[in-house]
N, C-alpha and C. Protein backbone atom coordinates (compact mmCIF):
# COMPACT_ATOMS: atom_id res chain seq x y z
N MET A 1 85.51 52.75 70.70
CA MET A 1 86.36 53.62 71.48
C MET A 1 87.58 53.98 70.64
N ALA A 2 87.93 55.22 70.66
CA ALA A 2 89.07 55.70 69.88
C ALA A 2 90.38 55.16 70.45
N ARG A 3 91.25 54.85 69.57
CA ARG A 3 92.55 54.33 69.98
C ARG A 3 93.54 55.50 70.09
N THR A 4 94.29 55.52 71.15
CA THR A 4 95.29 56.57 71.32
C THR A 4 96.67 56.02 70.97
N THR A 5 97.47 56.90 70.39
CA THR A 5 98.82 56.52 70.02
C THR A 5 99.77 57.58 70.54
N ASN A 6 100.82 57.15 71.13
CA ASN A 6 101.84 58.09 71.59
C ASN A 6 102.88 58.26 70.49
N VAL A 7 103.11 59.50 70.13
CA VAL A 7 104.13 59.81 69.13
C VAL A 7 105.25 60.54 69.86
N LYS A 8 106.43 60.03 69.72
CA LYS A 8 107.57 60.66 70.38
C LYS A 8 108.47 61.28 69.32
N ILE A 9 108.75 62.54 69.51
CA ILE A 9 109.67 63.24 68.62
C ILE A 9 110.94 63.50 69.42
N PRO A 10 112.06 62.89 69.03
CA PRO A 10 113.30 63.07 69.79
C PRO A 10 113.69 64.55 69.89
N GLY A 11 113.97 64.97 71.09
CA GLY A 11 114.45 66.33 71.32
C GLY A 11 113.36 67.39 71.39
N PHE A 12 112.10 66.99 71.28
CA PHE A 12 111.03 67.98 71.23
C PHE A 12 110.88 68.76 72.54
N ASN A 13 110.97 68.08 73.67
CA ASN A 13 110.87 68.79 74.96
C ASN A 13 112.00 69.80 75.13
N ALA A 14 113.20 69.41 74.73
CA ALA A 14 114.33 70.34 74.82
C ALA A 14 114.11 71.52 73.88
N TYR A 15 113.53 71.26 72.72
CA TYR A 15 113.25 72.33 71.76
C TYR A 15 112.24 73.32 72.35
N ILE A 16 111.19 72.82 72.96
CA ILE A 16 110.18 73.69 73.59
C ILE A 16 110.83 74.54 74.69
N ASP A 17 111.71 73.94 75.47
CA ASP A 17 112.42 74.69 76.50
C ASP A 17 113.29 75.78 75.88
N ASN A 18 113.96 75.47 74.78
CA ASN A 18 114.76 76.49 74.09
C ASN A 18 113.91 77.65 73.60
N VAL A 19 112.76 77.34 73.04
CA VAL A 19 111.85 78.40 72.56
C VAL A 19 111.41 79.26 73.73
N LYS A 20 110.96 78.61 74.81
CA LYS A 20 110.48 79.33 76.00
C LYS A 20 111.57 80.22 76.59
N ASN A 21 112.77 79.69 76.71
CA ASN A 21 113.86 80.45 77.30
C ASN A 21 114.27 81.61 76.41
N ALA A 22 114.39 81.37 75.10
CA ALA A 22 114.77 82.44 74.18
C ALA A 22 113.72 83.53 74.16
N LEU A 23 112.45 83.16 74.16
CA LEU A 23 111.37 84.14 74.15
C LEU A 23 111.34 84.94 75.45
N SER A 24 111.54 84.28 76.57
CA SER A 24 111.53 84.97 77.87
C SER A 24 112.63 86.02 77.95
N GLU A 25 113.83 85.64 77.57
CA GLU A 25 114.96 86.58 77.61
C GLU A 25 114.76 87.74 76.64
N ALA A 26 114.33 87.43 75.42
CA ALA A 26 114.15 88.47 74.41
C ALA A 26 113.04 89.44 74.81
N ALA A 27 111.95 88.91 75.36
CA ALA A 27 110.84 89.77 75.78
C ALA A 27 111.27 90.71 76.91
N ALA A 28 111.99 90.18 77.89
CA ALA A 28 112.47 91.03 78.99
C ALA A 28 113.38 92.14 78.45
N ARG A 29 114.31 91.79 77.56
CA ARG A 29 115.23 92.78 77.00
C ARG A 29 114.47 93.84 76.21
N ASP A 30 113.56 93.42 75.34
CA ASP A 30 112.83 94.38 74.50
C ASP A 30 111.95 95.30 75.34
N ILE A 31 111.31 94.77 76.36
CA ILE A 31 110.46 95.61 77.22
C ILE A 31 111.30 96.65 77.94
N VAL A 32 112.44 96.25 78.48
CA VAL A 32 113.29 97.21 79.19
C VAL A 32 113.82 98.28 78.23
N ILE A 33 114.21 97.89 77.04
CA ILE A 33 114.68 98.89 76.07
C ILE A 33 113.56 99.86 75.75
N ASP A 34 112.34 99.37 75.56
CA ASP A 34 111.19 100.26 75.35
C ASP A 34 111.04 101.25 76.50
N LEU A 35 111.10 100.76 77.73
CA LEU A 35 110.94 101.63 78.89
C LEU A 35 112.05 102.67 78.97
N LYS A 36 113.27 102.29 78.62
CA LYS A 36 114.39 103.22 78.62
C LYS A 36 114.19 104.31 77.57
N ILE A 37 113.66 103.94 76.42
CA ILE A 37 113.45 104.91 75.33
C ILE A 37 112.26 105.81 75.61
N LEU A 38 111.17 105.24 76.11
CA LEU A 38 109.94 106.00 76.30
C LEU A 38 109.92 106.82 77.59
N GLY A 39 110.71 106.43 78.57
CA GLY A 39 110.65 107.07 79.88
C GLY A 39 111.33 108.43 79.94
N PRO A 40 111.16 109.11 81.08
CA PRO A 40 111.79 110.42 81.25
C PRO A 40 113.32 110.30 81.28
N TYR A 41 113.96 111.33 80.79
CA TYR A 41 115.42 111.32 80.75
C TYR A 41 115.92 112.73 81.02
N TRP A 42 116.78 112.85 81.99
CA TRP A 42 117.42 114.13 82.26
C TRP A 42 118.91 113.92 82.45
N SER A 43 119.28 113.24 83.51
CA SER A 43 120.70 113.01 83.78
C SER A 43 121.13 111.59 83.40
N GLY A 44 120.18 110.73 83.09
CA GLY A 44 120.48 109.35 82.73
C GLY A 44 120.37 108.38 83.89
N GLU A 45 120.17 108.88 85.09
CA GLU A 45 120.09 107.99 86.26
C GLU A 45 118.89 107.06 86.19
N PHE A 46 117.73 107.61 85.86
CA PHE A 46 116.52 106.79 85.82
C PHE A 46 116.65 105.74 84.71
N GLU A 47 117.12 106.14 83.55
CA GLU A 47 117.28 105.21 82.43
C GLU A 47 118.24 104.08 82.77
N ALA A 48 119.32 104.39 83.45
CA ALA A 48 120.36 103.40 83.74
C ALA A 48 120.00 102.46 84.88
N ASN A 49 118.90 102.70 85.56
CA ASN A 49 118.56 101.89 86.74
C ASN A 49 117.36 100.98 86.55
N TRP A 50 117.07 100.63 85.31
CA TRP A 50 116.09 99.57 85.06
C TRP A 50 116.79 98.24 85.29
N VAL A 51 116.13 97.34 86.01
CA VAL A 51 116.73 96.08 86.42
C VAL A 51 115.78 94.94 86.07
N VAL A 52 116.36 93.80 85.67
CA VAL A 52 115.60 92.58 85.42
C VAL A 52 116.17 91.50 86.33
N VAL A 53 115.29 90.86 87.11
CA VAL A 53 115.70 89.76 87.98
C VAL A 53 114.80 88.57 87.73
N ARG A 54 115.32 87.37 87.98
CA ARG A 54 114.51 86.15 87.87
C ARG A 54 113.56 86.08 89.05
N GLY A 55 112.37 85.60 88.78
CA GLY A 55 111.39 85.40 89.84
C GLY A 55 110.39 86.55 89.92
N ALA A 56 109.33 86.31 90.65
CA ALA A 56 108.29 87.31 90.84
C ALA A 56 108.58 88.07 92.12
N ALA A 57 109.58 88.93 92.06
CA ALA A 57 109.99 89.67 93.24
C ALA A 57 110.10 91.14 92.89
N GLY A 58 109.35 91.97 93.56
CA GLY A 58 109.46 93.40 93.35
C GLY A 58 110.79 93.89 93.89
N GLY A 59 111.32 94.90 93.27
CA GLY A 59 112.61 95.44 93.71
C GLY A 59 112.43 96.72 94.49
N ALA A 60 113.32 96.94 95.40
CA ALA A 60 113.26 98.13 96.24
C ALA A 60 113.67 99.37 95.43
N ALA A 61 112.99 100.45 95.69
CA ALA A 61 113.33 101.74 95.09
C ALA A 61 114.17 102.49 96.10
N ASN A 62 115.41 102.03 96.28
CA ASN A 62 116.24 102.59 97.35
C ASN A 62 117.48 103.31 96.85
N LYS A 63 117.63 103.48 95.55
CA LYS A 63 118.81 104.17 95.04
C LYS A 63 118.53 105.66 94.97
N GLN A 64 119.29 106.42 95.70
CA GLN A 64 119.13 107.87 95.74
C GLN A 64 119.85 108.51 94.56
N THR A 65 119.37 109.65 94.15
CA THR A 65 120.02 110.38 93.08
C THR A 65 121.42 110.80 93.52
N SER A 66 122.33 110.83 92.59
CA SER A 66 123.69 111.25 92.92
C SER A 66 123.82 112.77 92.89
N TYR A 67 122.80 113.44 92.42
CA TYR A 67 122.83 114.90 92.33
C TYR A 67 122.47 115.51 93.68
N THR A 68 123.32 116.38 94.18
CA THR A 68 123.08 116.98 95.50
C THR A 68 122.95 118.49 95.45
N GLY A 69 123.01 119.09 94.28
CA GLY A 69 122.95 120.55 94.17
C GLY A 69 121.53 121.08 94.25
N GLU A 70 121.41 122.38 94.14
CA GLU A 70 120.10 123.05 94.14
C GLU A 70 119.48 122.93 92.76
N GLY A 71 118.16 122.82 92.71
CA GLY A 71 117.47 122.78 91.42
C GLY A 71 117.71 121.47 90.69
N MET A 72 117.70 121.57 89.39
CA MET A 72 117.84 120.39 88.53
C MET A 72 119.31 120.12 88.22
N PRO A 73 119.70 118.86 88.08
CA PRO A 73 121.06 118.56 87.66
C PRO A 73 121.24 118.95 86.19
N PRO A 74 122.45 119.05 85.73
CA PRO A 74 122.65 119.38 84.31
C PRO A 74 122.04 118.29 83.42
N ARG A 75 121.42 118.75 82.35
CA ARG A 75 120.79 117.80 81.42
C ARG A 75 121.86 117.17 80.53
N LYS A 76 121.74 115.84 80.34
CA LYS A 76 122.69 115.12 79.50
C LYS A 76 121.99 114.64 78.24
N GLU A 77 122.79 114.42 77.20
CA GLU A 77 122.24 113.87 75.97
C GLU A 77 121.79 112.43 76.24
N ARG A 78 120.64 112.08 75.66
CA ARG A 78 120.07 110.75 75.89
C ARG A 78 120.95 109.67 75.28
N THR A 79 121.30 108.70 76.09
CA THR A 79 121.96 107.48 75.63
C THR A 79 121.23 106.31 76.28
N ILE A 80 121.13 105.24 75.56
CA ILE A 80 120.45 104.06 76.08
C ILE A 80 121.50 103.03 76.46
N THR A 81 121.57 102.73 77.74
CA THR A 81 122.54 101.75 78.23
C THR A 81 121.99 100.35 78.04
N ASP A 82 122.88 99.38 78.01
CA ASP A 82 122.47 97.99 77.87
C ASP A 82 121.88 97.49 79.19
N VAL A 83 121.13 96.44 79.12
CA VAL A 83 120.54 95.84 80.31
C VAL A 83 121.00 94.39 80.40
N THR A 84 121.26 93.94 81.61
CA THR A 84 121.66 92.55 81.82
C THR A 84 120.43 91.72 82.13
N ILE A 85 120.23 90.68 81.35
CA ILE A 85 119.09 89.78 81.55
C ILE A 85 119.63 88.47 82.11
N PRO A 86 119.19 88.06 83.30
CA PRO A 86 119.62 86.76 83.82
C PRO A 86 119.18 85.66 82.86
N PRO A 87 120.02 84.67 82.62
CA PRO A 87 119.65 83.63 81.67
C PRO A 87 118.43 82.82 82.11
N ALA A 88 117.58 82.56 81.14
CA ALA A 88 116.42 81.70 81.39
C ALA A 88 116.87 80.27 81.19
N GLN A 89 116.71 79.46 82.20
CA GLN A 89 117.17 78.07 82.12
C GLN A 89 116.14 77.16 82.75
N GLY A 90 116.17 75.93 82.35
CA GLY A 90 115.34 74.92 83.00
C GLY A 90 114.04 74.67 82.29
N ARG A 91 113.29 73.77 82.88
CA ARG A 91 112.04 73.33 82.28
C ARG A 91 110.83 73.98 82.94
N ASN A 92 111.01 74.63 84.05
CA ASN A 92 109.89 75.26 84.73
C ASN A 92 109.54 76.56 84.02
N SER A 93 108.44 77.15 84.45
CA SER A 93 108.05 78.43 83.87
C SER A 93 109.10 79.49 84.23
N ILE A 94 109.25 80.44 83.35
CA ILE A 94 110.23 81.51 83.53
C ILE A 94 109.48 82.79 83.92
N THR A 95 109.86 83.39 85.01
CA THR A 95 109.27 84.64 85.46
C THR A 95 110.38 85.65 85.66
N TYR A 96 110.21 86.81 85.07
CA TYR A 96 111.13 87.93 85.28
C TYR A 96 110.37 89.07 85.93
N SER A 97 111.06 89.80 86.79
CA SER A 97 110.53 91.04 87.35
C SER A 97 111.36 92.18 86.79
N ILE A 98 110.67 93.20 86.31
CA ILE A 98 111.32 94.38 85.75
C ILE A 98 110.93 95.56 86.61
N PHE A 99 111.93 96.30 87.07
CA PHE A 99 111.64 97.46 87.92
C PHE A 99 112.77 98.46 87.82
N ASN A 100 112.51 99.65 88.34
CA ASN A 100 113.52 100.70 88.39
C ASN A 100 113.92 100.90 89.84
N ARG A 101 115.22 101.05 90.09
CA ARG A 101 115.73 101.14 91.46
C ARG A 101 115.74 102.55 92.04
N MET A 102 115.47 103.57 91.23
CA MET A 102 115.56 104.94 91.74
C MET A 102 114.45 105.23 92.76
N ALA A 103 114.80 105.95 93.82
CA ALA A 103 113.85 106.25 94.89
C ALA A 103 112.67 107.07 94.39
N TYR A 104 112.85 107.83 93.33
CA TYR A 104 111.78 108.68 92.80
C TYR A 104 111.00 108.00 91.66
N ARG A 105 111.09 106.69 91.56
CA ARG A 105 110.47 106.01 90.42
C ARG A 105 108.96 106.20 90.35
N GLU A 106 108.27 106.25 91.49
CA GLU A 106 106.82 106.42 91.47
C GLU A 106 106.42 107.72 90.78
N VAL A 107 107.21 108.76 90.98
CA VAL A 107 106.95 110.05 90.33
C VAL A 107 107.33 109.96 88.86
N ALA A 108 108.48 109.38 88.55
CA ALA A 108 108.94 109.27 87.16
C ALA A 108 108.02 108.40 86.32
N LEU A 109 107.38 107.41 86.94
CA LEU A 109 106.44 106.54 86.23
C LEU A 109 105.03 107.14 86.20
N ASP A 110 104.86 108.34 86.77
CA ASP A 110 103.57 109.03 86.86
C ASP A 110 102.56 108.24 87.69
N LEU A 111 103.05 107.43 88.62
CA LEU A 111 102.16 106.73 89.53
C LEU A 111 101.83 107.60 90.73
N GLN A 112 102.64 108.62 90.96
CA GLN A 112 102.37 109.67 91.95
C GLN A 112 102.56 111.01 91.24
N PRO A 113 101.79 112.02 91.61
CA PRO A 113 101.95 113.33 90.96
C PRO A 113 103.30 113.95 91.32
N GLY A 114 103.78 114.81 90.44
CA GLY A 114 105.01 115.53 90.75
C GLY A 114 105.93 115.73 89.56
N ARG A 115 105.79 114.93 88.51
CA ARG A 115 106.69 115.10 87.37
C ARG A 115 106.29 116.30 86.53
N LEU A 116 105.01 116.63 86.51
CA LEU A 116 104.53 117.77 85.75
C LEU A 116 104.32 118.94 86.70
N ASN A 117 104.35 120.17 86.14
CA ASN A 117 104.16 121.34 87.00
C ASN A 117 102.69 121.47 87.40
N ALA A 118 102.37 122.48 88.20
CA ALA A 118 101.04 122.62 88.77
C ALA A 118 99.95 122.76 87.71
N SER A 119 100.28 123.28 86.52
CA SER A 119 99.28 123.45 85.47
C SER A 119 99.02 122.15 84.72
N GLY A 120 99.76 121.09 85.04
CA GLY A 120 99.60 119.83 84.35
C GLY A 120 100.44 119.74 83.09
N LYS A 121 101.24 120.74 82.83
CA LYS A 121 102.11 120.76 81.65
C LYS A 121 103.49 120.24 82.04
N GLN A 122 104.23 119.81 81.04
CA GLN A 122 105.60 119.39 81.28
C GLN A 122 106.42 120.61 81.68
N SER A 123 107.23 120.44 82.70
CA SER A 123 108.03 121.57 83.16
C SER A 123 109.33 121.71 82.38
N TYR A 124 109.62 120.80 81.48
CA TYR A 124 110.78 120.89 80.61
C TYR A 124 110.51 120.10 79.33
N SER A 125 111.16 120.46 78.27
CA SER A 125 110.86 119.86 76.96
C SER A 125 111.52 118.50 76.79
N GLY A 126 111.04 117.78 75.79
CA GLY A 126 111.64 116.51 75.43
C GLY A 126 111.36 115.37 76.38
N GLN A 127 110.31 115.48 77.14
CA GLN A 127 109.97 114.44 78.11
C GLN A 127 108.66 113.76 77.72
N PRO A 128 108.42 112.56 78.21
CA PRO A 128 107.20 111.85 77.81
C PRO A 128 105.94 112.52 78.36
N ALA A 129 104.83 112.25 77.68
CA ALA A 129 103.55 112.78 78.13
C ALA A 129 103.14 112.14 79.45
N GLN A 130 102.19 112.79 80.11
CA GLN A 130 101.65 112.27 81.36
C GLN A 130 101.17 110.83 81.16
N ASP A 131 101.38 109.99 82.14
CA ASP A 131 100.96 108.59 82.15
C ASP A 131 101.62 107.75 81.06
N TRP A 132 102.86 108.07 80.73
CA TRP A 132 103.58 107.34 79.69
C TRP A 132 103.71 105.86 80.03
N TYR A 133 103.97 105.55 81.29
CA TYR A 133 104.17 104.15 81.71
C TYR A 133 102.86 103.36 81.62
N SER A 134 101.79 103.90 82.18
CA SER A 134 100.49 103.23 82.12
C SER A 134 100.06 103.04 80.66
N ASN A 135 100.30 104.05 79.84
CA ASN A 135 99.96 103.97 78.42
C ASN A 135 100.73 102.83 77.75
N TYR A 136 102.01 102.70 78.07
CA TYR A 136 102.81 101.62 77.50
C TYR A 136 102.25 100.25 77.90
N VAL A 137 102.01 100.08 79.19
CA VAL A 137 101.53 98.79 79.69
C VAL A 137 100.16 98.44 79.10
N GLN A 138 99.29 99.43 78.98
CA GLN A 138 97.92 99.16 78.54
C GLN A 138 97.77 99.09 77.03
N THR A 139 98.61 99.79 76.26
CA THR A 139 98.38 99.86 74.82
C THR A 139 99.53 99.35 73.95
N LYS A 140 100.75 99.33 74.44
CA LYS A 140 101.88 98.99 73.58
C LYS A 140 102.57 97.69 73.96
N LEU A 141 102.39 97.23 75.17
CA LEU A 141 103.08 96.02 75.64
C LEU A 141 102.67 94.80 74.81
N ARG A 142 101.41 94.68 74.51
CA ARG A 142 100.94 93.52 73.73
C ARG A 142 101.63 93.46 72.37
N SER A 143 101.68 94.58 71.67
CA SER A 143 102.31 94.58 70.34
C SER A 143 103.82 94.32 70.46
N ARG A 144 104.44 94.77 71.55
CA ARG A 144 105.87 94.48 71.77
C ARG A 144 106.07 92.98 71.91
N LEU A 145 105.21 92.33 72.68
CA LEU A 145 105.33 90.88 72.86
C LEU A 145 105.09 90.13 71.55
N GLU A 146 104.15 90.61 70.74
CA GLU A 146 103.91 90.00 69.43
C GLU A 146 105.14 90.14 68.53
N GLN A 147 105.73 91.34 68.51
CA GLN A 147 106.94 91.56 67.70
C GLN A 147 108.09 90.68 68.17
N THR A 148 108.26 90.59 69.47
CA THR A 148 109.35 89.78 70.03
C THR A 148 109.13 88.30 69.70
N THR A 149 107.90 87.84 69.79
CA THR A 149 107.60 86.44 69.46
C THR A 149 107.96 86.16 68.01
N GLY A 150 107.61 87.07 67.11
CA GLY A 150 107.97 86.89 65.71
C GLY A 150 109.47 86.90 65.49
N LYS A 151 110.16 87.77 66.19
CA LYS A 151 111.62 87.85 66.07
C LYS A 151 112.28 86.55 66.55
N VAL A 152 111.83 86.03 67.67
CA VAL A 152 112.39 84.79 68.20
C VAL A 152 112.05 83.61 67.29
N ALA A 153 110.86 83.61 66.73
CA ALA A 153 110.47 82.52 65.84
C ALA A 153 111.35 82.46 64.59
N ARG A 154 111.94 83.58 64.20
CA ARG A 154 112.82 83.61 63.02
C ARG A 154 114.27 83.28 63.33
N LEU A 155 114.60 83.09 64.60
CA LEU A 155 115.97 82.71 64.93
C LEU A 155 116.27 81.35 64.31
N PRO A 156 117.44 81.19 63.69
CA PRO A 156 117.75 79.91 63.04
C PRO A 156 117.64 78.70 63.97
N ARG A 157 118.07 78.81 65.21
CA ARG A 157 118.02 77.66 66.11
C ARG A 157 116.60 77.31 66.51
N ILE A 158 115.66 78.23 66.30
CA ILE A 158 114.26 77.97 66.61
C ILE A 158 113.53 77.45 65.36
N LYS A 159 113.66 78.15 64.25
CA LYS A 159 112.87 77.77 63.08
C LYS A 159 113.39 76.54 62.35
N ASN A 160 114.61 76.13 62.61
CA ASN A 160 115.20 75.00 61.89
C ASN A 160 115.12 73.68 62.63
N PHE A 161 114.21 73.57 63.59
CA PHE A 161 114.08 72.32 64.34
C PHE A 161 113.67 71.18 63.41
N GLN A 162 114.38 70.07 63.50
CA GLN A 162 114.06 68.91 62.66
C GLN A 162 113.96 67.63 63.49
N GLY A 163 113.86 67.74 64.76
CA GLY A 163 113.83 66.55 65.61
C GLY A 163 115.24 66.14 65.95
N GLY A 164 115.37 65.22 66.85
CA GLY A 164 116.70 64.80 67.26
C GLY A 164 117.28 65.80 68.22
N LYS A 165 118.42 66.37 67.89
CA LYS A 165 119.07 67.36 68.76
C LYS A 165 118.33 68.69 68.65
N ALA A 166 118.15 69.35 69.78
CA ALA A 166 117.49 70.64 69.80
C ALA A 166 118.49 71.75 69.66
């Protein structure tokens, strides 16, 4: 019968928690930045209303546009705002929910028709192609997570673990 031996590395559990927490926060931030860059942009409202919360909780799409005039609001130059990521803490699994708060998000995400004109063409220039969100989730999200994992692995506090203090 094989003999089992327990090997204890001081600080290893804390180190694993640090890796998990750093990766969770970085992945949430990078995904939201991708969505802000790839998504539709006109007045900046949709871009500025991406939210990250702890837990597996969908967010309400209850924020109405501030534009009340006829037709389209004035177009603004694209700027990418920062996003606040709740800190990942603890030893349990980390779950983040990412969503947009704008009431028209289903249309902006191309989950409901309406962003493109009746011919299926973009009704204004400089906007993402049809199904941009689904395309991101199905084809680009995996590579984003791989890039983020590599970036976190190169952080000095992660790659320089030597046991003892994490």
